[in-house]
Amino acid sequence: MYTFLDTFIPSDSLGTPRLQTGEVIGALGRGTGGMTNILQTMFFSFLPILTDLKVAIIYLITVLYLWLGFILVIQVVFYFLVTFHFTKEKSPTVHE
């Protein structure tokens, strides 16, 4: 008969694998490293670029000419789409 705790605590009699402490710490370290990499990329690469683009678009629209801001928006969107397409096409697909 199963109890509430049996759903959270694996037992060897059920055939569930038990991880050693080092394996758990290694898995947590890899997950933490991946999240750190994602956050660093987001905050120190993408966010400054998007902020600069926003400032440039607002400046072009308000100070110079509306069409210059519009042209910049079109070029940036096209650049992101082409870069995404080629990156997706050239990156190897990992199958597990």
Protein backbone atom coordinates (compact mmCIF):
# COMPACT_ATOMS: atom_id res chain seq x y z
CA MET A 1 0.00 0.00 0.00
CA TYR A 2 1.34 3.43 -0.96
CA THR A 3 1.33 6.41 1.32
CA PHE A 4 1.59 10.10 0.52
CA LEU A 5 5.34 10.10 1.17
CA ASP A 6 5.95 7.24 -1.26
CA THR A 7 5.31 9.60 -4.15
CA PHE A 8 8.17 11.85 -3.03
CA ILE A 9 10.68 9.40 -1.56
CA PRO A 10 11.92 6.73 -3.96
CA SER A 11 12.44 3.30 -2.49
CA ASP A 12 14.74 0.60 -3.75
CA SER A 13 11.98 -1.99 -3.65
CA LEU A 14 10.10 -0.12 -6.37
CA GLY A 15 13.10 -0.30 -8.68
CA THR A 16 13.64 3.46 -8.80
CA PRO A 17 17.27 4.48 -9.11
CA ARG A 18 18.88 6.26 -6.20
CA LEU A 19 21.41 8.96 -7.00
CA GLN A 20 24.58 9.32 -5.01
CA THR A 21 25.23 12.66 -3.33
CA GLY A 22 27.97 13.57 -5.83
CA GLU A 23 25.68 12.92 -8.77
CA VAL A 24 22.98 15.15 -7.33
CA ILE A 25 25.46 17.95 -6.62
CA GLY A 26 26.89 17.58 -10.15
CA ALA A 27 23.43 17.77 -11.70
CA LEU A 28 22.59 20.84 -9.65
CA GLY A 29 25.90 22.43 -10.63
CA ARG A 30 25.22 21.90 -14.32
CA GLY A 31 21.74 23.37 -13.98
CA THR A 32 23.03 26.35 -12.03
CA GLY A 33 25.80 26.92 -14.57
CA GLY A 34 23.30 26.85 -17.43
CA MET A 35 21.00 29.34 -15.75
CA THR A 36 23.96 31.61 -14.96
CA ASN A 37 25.02 31.50 -18.60
CA ILE A 38 21.51 32.34 -19.81
CA LEU A 39 21.13 35.23 -17.37
CA GLN A 40 24.58 36.64 -18.19
CA THR A 41 23.85 36.48 -21.90
CA MET A 42 20.48 38.11 -21.43
CA PHE A 43 21.56 40.94 -19.13
CA PHE A 44 25.00 41.71 -20.55
CA SER A 45 24.45 41.09 -24.27
CA PHE A 46 20.83 41.33 -25.37
CA LEU A 47 19.49 43.91 -22.93
CA PRO A 48 22.12 46.60 -23.72
CA ILE A 49 21.65 46.06 -27.46
CA LEU A 50 17.87 46.36 -27.22
CA THR A 51 18.19 49.45 -25.01
CA ASP A 52 20.54 51.10 -27.51
CA LEU A 53 18.16 50.29 -30.35
CA LYS A 54 15.20 51.71 -28.45
CA VAL A 55 17.07 54.94 -27.71
CA ALA A 56 18.20 55.23 -31.34
CA ILE A 57 14.69 54.65 -32.69
CA ILE A 58 13.13 57.16 -30.30
CA TYR A 59 15.83 59.72 -31.14
CA LEU A 60 15.39 59.27 -34.88
CA ILE A 61 11.61 59.50 -34.64
CA THR A 62 11.46 62.56 -32.37
CA VAL A 63 14.45 64.63 -33.43
CA LEU A 64 15.21 63.84 -37.03
CA TYR A 65 12.55 62.24 -39.14
CA LEU A 66 9.82 59.64 -38.71
CA TRP A 67 10.86 57.58 -41.73
CA LEU A 68 14.43 57.16 -40.46
CA GLY A 69 13.11 55.51 -37.31
CA PHE A 70 10.82 53.32 -39.38
CA ILE A 71 13.69 52.30 -41.67
CA LEU A 72 15.82 51.41 -38.64
CA VAL A 73 13.03 49.26 -37.20
CA ILE A 74 12.64 47.39 -40.51
CA GLN A 75 16.40 46.81 -40.78
CA VAL A 76 16.70 45.53 -37.21
CA VAL A 77 13.78 43.14 -37.60
CA PHE A 78 15.19 41.86 -40.89
CA TYR A 79 18.65 41.45 -39.33
CA PHE A 80 17.26 39.47 -36.37
CA LEU A 81 15.20 37.21 -38.65
CA VAL A 82 18.10 36.46 -41.00
CA THR A 83 20.50 35.86 -38.09
CA PHE A 84 18.02 33.54 -36.37
CA HIS A 85 17.41 31.62 -39.59
CA PHE A 86 21.11 31.05 -40.35
CA THR A 87 21.94 30.21 -36.74
CA LYS A 88 19.14 27.66 -36.62
CA GLU A 89 20.17 26.21 -39.97
CA LYS A 90 23.86 25.85 -39.11
CA SER A 91 23.56 24.63 -35.52
CA PRO A 92 23.69 20.87 -35.03
CA THR A 93 20.56 19.21 -33.77
CA VAL A 94 21.04 17.06 -30.69
CA HIS A 95 18.79 14.00 -30.45
CA GLU A 96 18.51 12.18 -27.16
